[in-house]
């Protein structure tokens, strides 16, 4: 009888779909702002869709995309 080995870190599937959540670094890059400014805007609720996973902060892509569209490119 042989034992089945299950890898500890299975291979992640790569998808062509955009990420469902954006990091604050992603948003900083999109807006051309510093990470500290984006973090401040996130904490005050200026950037919508904030979700925390433990100590990690993410923003829902749909909420951020809608917010950016409503801003009309006005940084």
Protein backbone atom coordinates (compact mmCIF):
# COMPACT_ATOMS: atom_id res chain seq x y z
CA UNK A 1 0.00 0.00 0.00
CA UNK A 2 1.40 3.39 -1.00
CA UNK A 3 0.55 6.64 0.67
CA UNK A 4 -0.87 9.52 -1.34
CA UNK A 5 1.21 12.66 -0.98
CA UNK A 6 -0.72 15.92 -0.95
CA UNK A 7 1.44 18.97 -1.66
CA UNK A 8 1.44 21.57 1.08
CA UNK A 9 1.31 24.44 -1.37
CA UNK A 10 -0.80 23.43 -4.34
CA UNK A 11 -0.19 25.24 -7.60
CA UNK A 12 -2.27 28.38 -7.92
CA UNK A 13 -4.48 28.65 -10.94
CA UNK A 14 -3.66 31.55 -13.16
CA UNK A 15 -6.65 33.37 -14.56
CA UNK A 16 -7.05 36.10 -17.13
CA UNK A 17 -9.85 37.62 -15.05
CA UNK A 18 -9.01 40.79 -13.12
CA UNK A 19 -8.51 40.46 -9.39
CA UNK A 20 -11.70 40.82 -7.35
CA UNK A 21 -9.90 42.91 -4.74
CA UNK A 22 -7.29 45.65 -5.04
CA UNK A 23 -4.52 46.34 -2.57
CA UNK A 24 -3.81 49.86 -1.43
CA UNK A 25 -0.59 49.66 -3.46
CA UNK A 26 -2.66 48.82 -6.56
CA UNK A 27 -4.86 51.87 -5.94
CA UNK A 28 -1.83 54.10 -5.28
CA UNK A 29 -0.43 53.04 -8.65
CA UNK A 30 -3.76 53.68 -10.43
CA UNK A 31 -4.10 57.15 -8.92
CA UNK A 32 -0.43 58.13 -8.96
CA UNK A 33 -0.53 58.79 -5.22
CA UNK A 34 1.67 57.68 -2.35
CA UNK A 35 0.75 54.58 -0.39
CA UNK A 36 0.40 56.68 2.78
CA UNK A 37 -2.11 59.02 1.07
CA UNK A 38 -4.16 56.06 -0.19
CA UNK A 39 -4.06 54.50 3.28
CA UNK A 40 -5.35 57.78 4.76
CA UNK A 41 -8.12 57.99 2.14
CA UNK A 42 -9.07 54.38 2.86
CA UNK A 43 -9.29 54.94 6.60
CA UNK A 44 -11.49 58.02 6.20
CA UNK A 45 -13.82 56.17 3.81
CA UNK A 46 -13.00 58.30 0.80
CA UNK A 47 -12.09 55.14 -1.14
CA UNK A 48 -15.07 52.75 -1.10
CA UNK A 49 -15.23 48.98 -0.76
CA UNK A 50 -12.78 48.57 2.13
CA UNK A 51 -12.49 45.01 3.42
CA UNK A 52 -10.02 43.63 5.91
CA UNK A 53 -8.68 40.10 5.85
CA UNK A 54 -6.95 39.86 9.20
CA UNK A 55 -4.58 42.81 9.08
CA UNK A 56 -4.57 43.01 5.29
CA UNK A 57 -6.66 45.74 3.71
CA UNK A 58 -8.25 45.32 0.31
CA UNK A 59 -10.87 47.21 -1.67
CA UNK A 60 -13.54 45.62 -3.84
CA UNK A 61 -12.59 46.25 -7.46
CA UNK A 62 -16.18 46.98 -8.55
CA UNK A 63 -16.61 49.67 -5.88
CA UNK A 64 -13.26 51.27 -6.74
CA UNK A 65 -13.97 51.17 -10.49
CA UNK A 66 -17.38 52.83 -9.96
CA UNK A 67 -15.81 55.44 -7.67
CA UNK A 68 -13.12 56.22 -10.25
CA UNK A 69 -15.73 56.50 -13.02
CA UNK A 70 -17.81 58.87 -10.88
CA UNK A 71 -14.73 61.00 -10.25
CA UNK A 72 -14.25 61.31 -14.01
CA UNK A 73 -10.48 61.07 -13.82
CA UNK A 74 -10.40 64.02 -11.42
CA UNK A 75 -7.44 63.23 -9.12
